[in-house]
Each structure stands twice: as C-alpha cells, then as structure tokens.
Amino acid sequence: MRVAKEYRGISKRLAIRYLEGLGGQPVDADGNPVAGAGEDQAAAEPVVRVEADDWSATVAAEKVSIGPSMQLTEVAIDFEGDEDTLDELVPTFSQKAMRAGG
C-alpha cells in the first residue's frame, strides 16, 4: 500500500528526525545508511528514503508560494507498507508534524 502526504511548515530535516523516532533509518539514493541525517540540513540533503522493517518513506522538499511574497517549505512523503502498518504510522507522523501557528 502507498500513501502520499504533504506537510507545510516543517523542514525535511525535521521530517527525517520524526521518521527516525518512529523506527526508521535514513538512506541515500543508493540505499546506504546516512548517519546523523536528522541533525543537520547538509546531512539531510542526500536522504531520499527512510526505511524500517515493515515500512518505508520517500522524502522530498520544495519551497512553495503562499501569496505574493511568502514561501514555506512543503515536505512530500510517500509512505509504503502494509495497510495495518500505515493505518498507525501515517496518523502518528501527521500528529508529530502538525505545527501550531503563533
């Protein structure tokens, strides 16, 4: 099963850190583990996937305009896994990614 979600207002680095907290390991495009990816933006750049035993997530980020002069980071995540796993994982991640304005 595959579930695609977009989150605004969080960084790719933070999304990777949240996925690590849910049991994932960041990997680069060749599938090699990337240590410290959730700690600094430079290390997060080569990360395209976060993998766990029963799920994986492809992570991408881009700047999107929200009006004439403001931009936000939008992180797109494609979650893959069995239905039962994703039924628990996606809402848990979404709750972590929810940001309150201030």
PDB file of N, CA and C in Angstrom:
ATOM      1  N   MET A   1       0.851  -1.173   0.000  1.00  0.00           N
ATOM      2  CA  MET A   1       0.000   0.000   0.000  1.00  0.00           C
ATOM      3  C   MET A   1       0.896   1.235   0.000  1.00  0.00           C
ATOM      4  N   ARG A   2       0.417   2.285  -0.636  1.00  0.00           N
ATOM      5  CA  ARG A   2       1.163   3.542  -0.700  1.00  0.00           C
ATOM      6  C   ARG A   2       0.240   4.696  -0.313  1.00  0.00           C
ATOM      7  N   VAL A   3       0.747   5.603   0.523  1.00  0.00           N
ATOM      8  CA  VAL A   3       0.004   6.790   0.940  1.00  0.00           C
ATOM      9  C   VAL A   3       0.909   8.000   0.731  1.00  0.00           C
ATOM     10  N   ALA A   4       0.431   8.981  -0.031  1.00  0.00           N
ATOM     11  CA  ALA A   4       1.189  10.210  -0.281  1.00  0.00           C
ATOM     12  C   ALA A   4       0.592  11.344   0.547  1.00  0.00           C
ATOM     13  N   LYS A   5       1.451  12.065   1.260  1.00  0.00           N
ATOM     14  CA  LYS A   5       1.008  13.192   2.088  1.00  0.00           C
ATOM     15  C   LYS A   5       1.973  14.352   1.900  1.00  0.00           C
ATOM     16  N   GLU A   6       1.465  15.569   2.083  1.00  0.00           N
ATOM     17  CA  GLU A   6       2.290  16.775   2.054  1.00  0.00           C
ATOM     18  C   GLU A   6       2.112  17.514   3.375  1.00  0.00           C
ATOM     19  N   TYR A   7       3.213  18.054   3.856  1.00  0.00           N
ATOM     20  CA  TYR A   7       3.206  18.791   5.115  1.00  0.00           C
ATOM     21  C   TYR A   7       3.899  20.127   4.892  1.00  0.00           C
ATOM     22  N   ARG A   8       3.282  21.195   5.326  1.00  0.00           N
ATOM     23  CA  ARG A   8       3.876  22.530   5.195  1.00  0.00           C
ATOM     24  C   ARG A   8       4.324  23.025   6.552  1.00  0.00           C
ATOM     25  N   GLY A   9       5.386  23.817   6.520  1.00  0.00           N
ATOM     26  CA  GLY A   9       5.855  24.447   7.742  1.00  0.00           C
ATOM     27  C   GLY A   9       6.837  23.615   8.548  1.00  0.00           C
ATOM     28  N   ILE A  10       7.240  22.435   8.059  1.00  0.00           N
ATOM     29  CA  ILE A  10       8.306  21.682   8.709  1.00  0.00           C
ATOM     30  C   ILE A  10       9.416  21.490   7.684  1.00  0.00           C
ATOM     31  N   SER A  11      10.608  21.282   8.161  1.00  0.00           N
ATOM     32  CA  SER A  11      11.744  21.082   7.265  1.00  0.00           C
ATOM     33  C   SER A  11      11.906  19.603   6.937  1.00  0.00           C
ATOM     34  N   LYS A  12      12.640  19.337   5.881  1.00  0.00           N
ATOM     35  CA  LYS A  12      12.970  17.958   5.523  1.00  0.00           C
ATOM     36  C   LYS A  12      13.750  17.307   6.670  1.00  0.00           C
ATOM     37  N   ARG A  13      14.680  18.057   7.256  1.00  0.00           N
ATOM     38  CA  ARG A  13      15.481  17.551   8.368  1.00  0.00           C
ATOM     39  C   ARG A  13      14.595  17.096   9.527  1.00  0.00           C
ATOM     40  N   LEU A  14      13.589  17.914   9.864  1.00  0.00           N
ATOM     41  CA  LEU A  14      12.701  17.576  10.967  1.00  0.00           C
ATOM     42  C   LEU A  14      11.823  16.378  10.620  1.00  0.00           C
ATOM     43  N   ALA A  15      11.341  16.302   9.385  1.00  0.00           N
ATOM     44  CA  ALA A  15      10.548  15.148   8.961  1.00  0.00           C
ATOM     45  C   ALA A  15      11.362  13.864   9.087  1.00  0.00           C
ATOM     46  N   ILE A  16      12.626  13.928   8.681  1.00  0.00           N
ATOM     47  CA  ILE A  16      13.503  12.758   8.788  1.00  0.00           C
ATOM     48  C   ILE A  16      13.701  12.384  10.252  1.00  0.00           C
ATOM     49  N   ARG A  17      13.895  13.374  11.099  1.00  0.00           N
ATOM     50  CA  ARG A  17      14.064  13.099  12.533  1.00  0.00           C
ATOM     51  C   ARG A  17      12.814  12.424  13.105  1.00  0.00           C
ATOM     52  N   TYR A  18      11.622  12.906  12.733  1.00  0.00           N
ATOM     53  CA  TYR A  18      10.384  12.277  13.209  1.00  0.00           C
ATOM     54  C   TYR A  18      10.289  10.833  12.726  1.00  0.00           C
ATOM     55  N   LEU A  19      10.644  10.586  11.463  1.00  0.00           N
ATOM     56  CA  LEU A  19      10.602   9.225  10.923  1.00  0.00           C
ATOM     57  C   LEU A  19      11.613   8.322  11.631  1.00  0.00           C
ATOM     58  N   GLU A  20      12.772   8.873  11.982  1.00  0.00           N
ATOM     59  CA  GLU A  20      13.749   8.111  12.767  1.00  0.00           C
ATOM     60  C   GLU A  20      13.149   7.739  14.122  1.00  0.00           C
ATOM     61  N   GLY A  21      12.440   8.675  14.734  1.00  0.00           N
ATOM     62  CA  GLY A  21      11.814   8.427  16.019  1.00  0.00           C
ATOM     63  C   GLY A  21      10.746   7.352  15.964  1.00  0.00           C
ATOM     64  N   LEU A  22      10.221   7.114  14.772  1.00  0.00           N
ATOM     65  CA  LEU A  22       9.206   6.073  14.583  1.00  0.00           C
ATOM     66  C   LEU A  22       9.832   4.753  14.145  1.00  0.00           C
ATOM     67  N   GLY A  23      11.166   4.672  14.209  1.00  0.00           N
ATOM     68  CA  GLY A  23      11.850   3.410  13.937  1.00  0.00           C
ATOM     69  C   GLY A  23      12.544   3.309  12.598  1.00  0.00           C
ATOM     70  N   GLY A  24      12.605   4.398  11.842  1.00  0.00           N
ATOM     71  CA  GLY A  24      13.213   4.355  10.519  1.00  0.00           C
ATOM     72  C   GLY A  24      14.694   4.676  10.520  1.00  0.00           C
ATOM     73  N   GLN A  25      15.370   4.262   9.442  1.00  0.00           N
ATOM     74  CA  GLN A  25      16.789   4.544   9.218  1.00  0.00           C
ATOM     75  C   GLN A  25      16.917   5.319   7.917  1.00  0.00           C
ATOM     76  N   PRO A  26      17.461   6.536   7.941  1.00  0.00           N
ATOM     77  CA  PRO A  26      17.647   7.297   6.707  1.00  0.00           C
ATOM     78  C   PRO A  26      18.665   6.617   5.791  1.00  0.00           C
ATOM     79  N   VAL A  27      18.360   6.607   4.488  1.00  0.00           N
ATOM     80  CA  VAL A  27      19.277   6.053   3.492  1.00  0.00           C
ATOM     81  C   VAL A  27      19.380   7.027   2.324  1.00  0.00           C
ATOM     82  N   ASP A  28      20.494   6.943   1.580  1.00  0.00           N
ATOM     83  CA  ASP A  28      20.663   7.798   0.410  1.00  0.00           C
ATOM     84  C   ASP A  28      20.063   7.116  -0.820  1.00  0.00           C
ATOM     85  N   ALA A  29      20.253   7.710  -1.987  1.00  0.00           N
ATOM     86  CA  ALA A  29      19.657   7.194  -3.223  1.00  0.00           C
ATOM     87  C   ALA A  29      20.136   5.788  -3.560  1.00  0.00           C
ATOM     88  N   ASP A  30      21.316   5.404  -3.056  1.00  0.00           N
ATOM     89  CA  ASP A  30      21.851   4.065  -3.317  1.00  0.00           C
ATOM     90  C   ASP A  30      21.458   3.061  -2.241  1.00  0.00           C
ATOM     91  N   GLY A  31      20.686   3.491  -1.244  1.00  0.00           N
ATOM     92  CA  GLY A  31      20.260   2.601  -0.170  1.00  0.00           C
ATOM     93  C   GLY A  31      21.252   2.482   0.967  1.00  0.00           C
ATOM     94  N   ASN A  32      22.269   3.344   0.982  1.00  0.00           N
ATOM     95  CA  ASN A  32      23.271   3.318   2.049  1.00  0.00           C
ATOM     96  C   ASN A  32      22.795   4.139   3.242  1.00  0.00           C
ATOM     97  N   PRO A  33      22.969   3.611   4.467  1.00  0.00           N
ATOM     98  CA  PRO A  33      22.565   4.367   5.654  1.00  0.00           C
ATOM     99  C   PRO A  33      23.274   5.715   5.728  1.00  0.00           C
ATOM    100  N   VAL A  34      22.541   6.728   6.196  1.00  0.00           N
ATOM    101  CA  VAL A  34      23.088   8.072   6.358  1.00  0.00           C
ATOM    102  C   VAL A  34      23.014   8.406   7.842  1.00  0.00           C
ATOM    103  N   ALA A  35      24.171   8.477   8.490  1.00  0.00           N
ATOM    104  CA  ALA A  35      24.211   8.770   9.924  1.00  0.00           C
ATOM    105  C   ALA A  35      23.986  10.256  10.164  1.00  0.00           C
ATOM    106  N   GLY A  36      23.240  10.586  11.205  1.00  0.00           N
ATOM    107  CA  GLY A  36      23.049  11.977  11.605  1.00  0.00           C
ATOM    108  C   GLY A  36      22.196  12.796  10.662  1.00  0.00           C
ATOM    109  N   ALA A  37      21.389  12.152   9.824  1.00  0.00           N
ATOM    110  CA  ALA A  37      20.607  12.882   8.823  1.00  0.00           C
ATOM    111  C   ALA A  37      19.587  13.811   9.452  1.00  0.00           C
ATOM    112  N   GLY A  38      19.055  13.453  10.605  1.00  0.00           N
ATOM    113  CA  GLY A  38      18.064  14.301  11.242  1.00  0.00           C
ATOM    114  C   GLY A  38      18.667  15.407  12.082  1.00  0.00           C
ATOM    115  N   GLU A  39      20.000  15.550  12.035  1.00  0.00           N
ATOM    116  CA  GLU A  39      20.657  16.512  12.903  1.00  0.00           C
ATOM    117  C   GLU A  39      21.068  17.793  12.221  1.00  0.00           C
ATOM    118  N   ASP A  40      21.471  17.732  10.947  1.00  0.00           N
ATOM    119  CA  ASP A  40      21.803  18.979  10.263  1.00  0.00           C
ATOM    120  C   ASP A  40      21.348  18.917   8.815  1.00  0.00           C
ATOM    121  N   GLN A  41      21.047  20.090   8.277  1.00  0.00           N
ATOM    122  CA  GLN A  41      20.455  20.169   6.938  1.00  0.00           C
ATOM    123  C   GLN A  41      21.378  19.616   5.865  1.00  0.00           C
ATOM    124  N   ALA A  42      22.691  19.833   5.980  1.00  0.00           N
ATOM    125  CA  ALA A  42      23.619  19.344   4.960  1.00  0.00           C
ATOM    126  C   ALA A  42      23.574  17.826   4.879  1.00  0.00           C
ATOM    127  N   ALA A  43      23.502  17.152   6.028  1.00  0.00           N
ATOM    128  CA  ALA A  43      23.433  15.692   6.021  1.00  0.00           C
ATOM    129  C   ALA A  43      22.090  15.210   5.502  1.00  0.00           C
ATOM    130  N   ALA A  44      21.033  16.005   5.673  1.00  0.00           N
ATOM    131  CA  ALA A  44      19.701  15.579   5.243  1.00  0.00           C
ATOM    132  C   ALA A  44      19.555  15.602   3.727  1.00  0.00           C
ATOM    133  N   GLU A  45      20.343  16.409   3.041  1.00  0.00           N
ATOM    134  CA  GLU A  45      20.171  16.555   1.590  1.00  0.00           C
ATOM    135  C   GLU A  45      20.255  15.244   0.818  1.00  0.00           C
ATOM    136  N   PRO A  46      21.243  14.342   1.102  1.00  0.00           N
ATOM    137  CA  PRO A  46      21.299  13.129   0.303  1.00  0.00           C
ATOM    138  C   PRO A  46      20.201  12.120   0.640  1.00  0.00           C
ATOM    139  N   VAL A  47      19.506  12.328   1.746  1.00  0.00           N
ATOM    140  CA  VAL A  47      18.480  11.368   2.148  1.00  0.00           C
ATOM    141  C   VAL A  47      17.277  11.476   1.229  1.00  0.00           C
ATOM    142  N   VAL A  48      16.901  10.357   0.646  1.00  0.00           N
ATOM    143  CA  VAL A  48      15.691  10.320  -0.168  1.00  0.00           C
ATOM    144  C   VAL A  48      14.672   9.349   0.416  1.00  0.00           C
ATOM    145  N   ARG A  49      15.132   8.435   1.267  1.00  0.00           N
ATOM    146  CA  ARG A  49      14.233   7.453   1.867  1.00  0.00           C
ATOM    147  C   ARG A  49      14.583   7.240   3.330  1.00  0.00           C
ATOM    148  N   VAL A  50      13.563   6.854   4.066  1.00  0.00           N
ATOM    149  CA  VAL A  50      13.746   6.385   5.430  1.00  0.00           C
ATOM    150  C   VAL A  50      13.099   5.011   5.455  1.00  0.00           C
ATOM    151  N   GLU A  51      13.855   4.001   5.914  1.00  0.00           N
ATOM    152  CA  GLU A  51      13.367   2.626   5.863  1.00  0.00           C
ATOM    153  C   GLU A  51      13.308   2.006   7.250  1.00  0.00           C
ATOM    154  N   ALA A  52      12.285   1.189   7.461  1.00  0.00           N
ATOM    155  CA  ALA A  52      12.139   0.397   8.678  1.00  0.00           C
ATOM    156  C   ALA A  52      11.825  -1.033   8.243  1.00  0.00           C
ATOM    157  N   ASP A  53      11.672  -1.930   9.198  1.00  0.00           N
ATOM    158  CA  ASP A  53      11.410  -3.330   8.855  1.00  0.00           C
ATOM    159  C   ASP A  53      10.121  -3.510   8.069  1.00  0.00           C
ATOM    160  N   ASP A  54       9.074  -2.769   8.439  1.00  0.00           N
ATOM    161  CA  ASP A  54       7.771  -3.010   7.819  1.00  0.00           C
ATOM    162  C   ASP A  54       7.183  -1.798   7.099  1.00  0.00           C
ATOM    163  N   TRP A  55       7.984  -0.751   6.895  1.00  0.00           N
ATOM    164  CA  TRP A  55       7.530   0.416   6.133  1.00  0.00           C
ATOM    165  C   TRP A  55       8.739   1.167   5.585  1.00  0.00           C
ATOM    166  N   SER A  56       8.466   2.028   4.612  1.00  0.00           N
ATOM    167  CA  SER A  56       9.486   2.945   4.103  1.00  0.00           C
ATOM    168  C   SER A  56       8.789   4.240   3.718  1.00  0.00           C
ATOM    169  N   ALA A  57       9.577   5.296   3.628  1.00  0.00           N
ATOM    170  CA  ALA A  57       9.026   6.602   3.273  1.00  0.00           C
ATOM    171  C   ALA A  57      10.022   7.335   2.384  1.00  0.00           C
ATOM    172  N   THR A  58       9.545   7.811   1.247  1.00  0.00           N
ATOM    173  CA  THR A  58      10.355   8.635   0.361  1.00  0.00           C
ATOM    174  C   THR A  58      10.073  10.087   0.715  1.00  0.00           C
ATOM    175  N   VAL A  59      11.135  10.868   0.927  1.00  0.00           N
ATOM    176  CA  VAL A  59      11.004  12.235   1.426  1.00  0.00           C
ATOM    177  C   VAL A  59      11.561  13.222   0.403  1.00  0.00           C
ATOM    178  N   ALA A  60      10.784  14.259   0.108  1.00  0.00           N
ATOM    179  CA  ALA A  60      11.234  15.335  -0.782  1.00  0.00           C
ATOM    180  C   ALA A  60      10.736  16.656  -0.208  1.00  0.00           C
ATOM    181  N   ALA A  61      11.446  17.731  -0.521  1.00  0.00           N
ATOM    182  CA  ALA A  61      11.038  19.051  -0.028  1.00  0.00           C
ATOM    183  C   ALA A  61      11.220  20.086  -1.118  1.00  0.00           C
ATOM    184  N   GLU A  62      10.319  21.072  -1.107  1.00  0.00           N
ATOM    185  CA  GLU A  62      10.442  22.193  -2.033  1.00  0.00           C
ATOM    186  C   GLU A  62       9.808  23.421  -1.398  1.00  0.00           C
ATOM    187  N   LYS A  63      10.205  24.585  -1.874  1.00  0.00           N
ATOM    188  CA  LYS A  63       9.601  25.838  -1.428  1.00  0.00           C
ATOM    189  C   LYS A  63       8.346  26.077  -2.257  1.00  0.00           C
ATOM    190  N   VAL A  64       7.253  26.448  -1.582  1.00  0.00           N
ATOM    191  CA  VAL A  64       6.005  26.763  -2.271  1.00  0.00           C
ATOM    192  C   VAL A  64       5.559  28.166  -1.860  1.00  0.00           C
ATOM    193  N   SER A  65       4.969  28.871  -2.786  1.00  0.00           N
ATOM    194  CA  SER A  65       4.482  30.228  -2.518  1.00  0.00           C
ATOM    195  C   SER A  65       3.109  30.172  -1.880  1.00  0.00           C
ATOM    196  N   ILE A  66       2.914  31.016  -0.886  1.00  0.00           N
ATOM    197  CA  ILE A  66       1.590  31.155  -0.273  1.00  0.00           C
ATOM    198  C   ILE A  66       1.243  32.633  -0.254  1.00  0.00           C
ATOM    199  N   GLY A  67       1.027  33.160  -1.406  1.00  0.00           N
ATOM    200  CA  GLY A  67       0.765  34.587  -1.538  1.00  0.00           C
ATOM    201  C   GLY A  67       1.866  35.229  -2.360  1.00  0.00           C
ATOM    202  N   PRO A  68       1.766  36.534  -2.516  1.00  0.00           N
ATOM    203  CA  PRO A  68       2.697  37.217  -3.414  1.00  0.00           C
ATOM    204  C   PRO A  68       4.133  37.295  -2.905  1.00  0.00           C
ATOM    205  N   SER A  69       4.342  37.213  -1.596  1.00  0.00           N
ATOM    206  CA  SER A  69       5.703  37.429  -1.109  1.00  0.00           C
ATOM    207  C   SER A  69       6.175  36.432  -0.056  1.00  0.00           C
ATOM    208  N   MET A  70       5.403  35.396   0.214  1.00  0.00           N
ATOM    209  CA  MET A  70       5.778  34.464   1.267  1.00  0.00           C
ATOM    210  C   MET A  70       5.935  33.056   0.715  1.00  0.00           C
ATOM    211  N   GLN A  71       6.943  32.351   1.226  1.00  0.00           N
ATOM    212  CA  GLN A  71       7.160  30.969   0.839  1.00  0.00           C
ATOM    213  C   GLN A  71       7.303  30.106   2.083  1.00  0.00           C
ATOM    214  N   LEU A  72       6.846  28.871   1.960  1.00  0.00           N
ATOM    215  CA  LEU A  72       7.002  27.870   3.009  1.00  0.00           C
ATOM    216  C   LEU A  72       7.654  26.637   2.407  1.00  0.00           C
ATOM    217  N   THR A  73       8.280  25.857   3.266  1.00  0.00           N
ATOM    218  CA  THR A  73       8.773  24.557   2.831  1.00  0.00           C
ATOM    219  C   THR A  73       7.617  23.570   2.870  1.00  0.00           C
ATOM    220  N   GLU A  74       7.453  22.825   1.797  1.00  0.00           N
ATOM    221  CA  GLU A  74       6.467  21.745   1.751  1.00  0.00           C
ATOM    222  C   GLU A  74       7.235  20.440   1.625  1.00  0.00           C
ATOM    223  N   VAL A  75       7.021  19.555   2.576  1.00  0.00           N
ATOM    224  CA  VAL A  75       7.668  18.253   2.569  1.00  0.00           C
ATOM    225  C   VAL A  75       6.648  17.239   2.083  1.00  0.00           C
ATOM    226  N   ALA A  76       7.003  16.522   1.019  1.00  0.00           N
ATOM    227  CA  ALA A  76       6.145  15.474   0.470  1.00  0.00           C
ATOM    228  C   ALA A  76       6.715  14.127   0.894  1.00  0.00           C
ATOM    229  N   ILE A  77       5.861  13.281   1.434  1.00  0.00           N
ATOM    230  CA  ILE A  77       6.299  11.963   1.886  1.00  0.00           C
ATOM    231  C   ILE A  77       5.389  10.911   1.267  1.00  0.00           C
ATOM    232  N   ASP A  78       6.007   9.938   0.621  1.00  0.00           N
ATOM    233  CA  ASP A  78       5.297   8.770   0.101  1.00  0.00           C
ATOM    234  C   ASP A  78       5.595   7.614   1.043  1.00  0.00           C
ATOM    235  N   PHE A  79       4.593   7.236   1.831  1.00  0.00           N
ATOM    236  CA  PHE A  79       4.728   6.120   2.762  1.00  0.00           C
ATOM    237  C   PHE A  79       4.394   4.828   2.024  1.00  0.00           C
ATOM    238  N   GLU A  80       5.145   3.763   2.279  1.00  0.00           N
ATOM    239  CA  GLU A  80       4.858   2.456   1.704  1.00  0.00           C
ATOM    240  C   GLU A  80       4.932   1.403   2.798  1.00  0.00           C
ATOM    241  N   GLY A  81       3.986   0.480   2.779  1.00  0.00           N
ATOM    242  CA  GLY A  81       3.953  -0.603   3.756  1.00  0.00           C
ATOM    243  C   GLY A  81       2.602  -1.286   3.683  1.00  0.00           C
ATOM    244  N   ASP A  82       2.383  -2.245   4.577  1.00  0.00           N
ATOM    245  CA  ASP A  82       1.071  -2.891   4.553  1.00  0.00           C
ATOM    246  C   ASP A  82       0.038  -1.968   5.196  1.00  0.00           C
ATOM    247  N   GLU A  83      -1.213  -2.237   4.907  1.00  0.00           N
ATOM    248  CA  GLU A  83      -2.297  -1.346   5.321  1.00  0.00           C
ATOM    249  C   GLU A  83      -2.346  -1.140   6.829  1.00  0.00           C
ATOM    250  N   ASP A  84      -2.206  -2.214   7.598  1.00  0.00           N
ATOM    251  CA  ASP A  84      -2.274  -2.089   9.058  1.00  0.00           C
ATOM    252  C   ASP A  84      -1.150  -1.207   9.600  1.00  0.00           C
ATOM    253  N   THR A  85       0.045  -1.370   9.048  1.00  0.00           N
ATOM    254  CA  THR A  85       1.184  -0.565   9.491  1.00  0.00           C
ATOM    255  C   THR A  85       0.959   0.906   9.181  1.00  0.00           C
ATOM    256  N   LEU A  86       0.539   1.201   7.950  1.00  0.00           N
ATOM    257  CA  LEU A  86       0.343   2.600   7.560  1.00  0.00           C
ATOM    258  C   LEU A  86      -0.840   3.235   8.270  1.00  0.00           C
ATOM    259  N   ASP A  87      -1.862   2.441   8.605  1.00  0.00           N
ATOM    260  CA  ASP A  87      -3.005   2.977   9.351  1.00  0.00           C
ATOM    261  C   ASP A  87      -2.576   3.529  10.707  1.00  0.00           C
ATOM    262  N   GLU A  88      -1.485   3.009  11.249  1.00  0.00           N
ATOM    263  CA  GLU A  88      -0.958   3.512  12.520  1.00  0.00           C
ATOM    264  C   GLU A  88       0.138   4.556  12.299  1.00  0.00           C
ATOM    265  N   LEU A  89       1.035   4.300  11.350  1.00  0.00           N
ATOM    266  CA  LEU A  89       2.204   5.157  11.129  1.00  0.00           C
ATOM    267  C   LEU A  89       1.846   6.554  10.632  1.00  0.00           C
ATOM    268  N   VAL A  90       1.008   6.642   9.606  1.00  0.00           N
ATOM    269  CA  VAL A  90       0.730   7.940   8.977  1.00  0.00           C
ATOM    270  C   VAL A  90       0.062   8.913   9.954  1.00  0.00           C
ATOM    271  N   PRO A  91      -0.975   8.513  10.691  1.00  0.00           N
ATOM    272  CA  PRO A  91      -1.555   9.463  11.658  1.00  0.00           C
ATOM    273  C   PRO A  91      -0.581   9.849  12.776  1.00  0.00           C
ATOM    274  N   THR A  92       0.256   8.908  13.199  1.00  0.00           N
ATOM    275  CA  THR A  92       1.240   9.222  14.235  1.00  0.00           C
ATOM    276  C   THR A  92       2.237  10.247  13.726  1.00  0.00           C
ATOM    277  N   PHE A  93       2.743  10.044  12.501  1.00  0.00           N
ATOM    278  CA  PHE A  93       3.664  11.016  11.917  1.00  0.00           C
ATOM    279  C   PHE A  93       2.959  12.359  11.735  1.00  0.00           C
ATOM    280  N   SER A  94       1.735  12.335  11.218  1.00  0.00           N
ATOM    281  CA  SER A  94       0.995  13.578  10.963  1.00  0.00           C
ATOM    282  C   SER A  94       0.799  14.382  12.242  1.00  0.00           C
ATOM    283  N   GLN A  95       0.543  13.696  13.337  1.00  0.00           N
ATOM    284  CA  GLN A  95       0.375  14.395  14.610  1.00  0.00           C
ATOM    285  C   GLN A  95       1.687  15.060  15.028  1.00  0.00           C
ATOM    286  N   LYS A  96       2.811  14.363  14.837  1.00  0.00           N
ATOM    287  CA  LYS A  96       4.112  14.956  15.156  1.00  0.00           C
ATOM    288  C   LYS A  96       4.392  16.161  14.265  1.00  0.00           C
ATOM    289  N   ALA A  97       3.982  16.080  12.996  1.00  0.00           N
ATOM    290  CA  ALA A  97       4.288  17.128  12.020  1.00  0.00           C
ATOM    291  C   ALA A  97       3.370  18.342  12.139  1.00  0.00           C
ATOM    292  N   MET A  98       2.253  18.195  12.852  1.00  0.00           N
ATOM    293  CA  MET A  98       1.322  19.312  12.991  1.00  0.00           C
ATOM    294  C   MET A  98       1.996  20.429  13.787  1.00  0.00           C
ATOM    295  N   ARG A  99       1.965  21.610  13.238  1.00  0.00           N
ATOM    296  CA  ARG A  99       2.623  22.749  13.867  1.00  0.00           C
ATOM    297  C   ARG A  99       1.583  23.817  14.182  1.00  0.00           C
ATOM    298  N   ALA A 100       1.627  24.329  15.388  1.00  0.00           N
ATOM    299  CA  ALA A 100       0.704  25.404  15.761  1.00  0.00           C
ATOM    300  C   ALA A 100       1.312  26.751  15.384  1.00  0.00           C
ATOM    301  N   GLY A 101       0.503  27.589  14.813  1.00  0.00           N
ATOM    302  CA  GLY A 101       0.976  28.938  14.480  1.00  0.00           C
ATOM    303  C   GLY A 101       1.063  29.802  15.726  1.00  0.00           C
ATOM    304  N   GLY A 102       1.776  30.865  15.641  1.00  0.00           N
ATOM    305  CA  GLY A 102       1.902  31.687  16.819  1.00  0.00           C
ATOM    306  C   GLY A 102       2.100  33.055  16.432  1.00  0.00           C
TER     307      GLY A 102
END
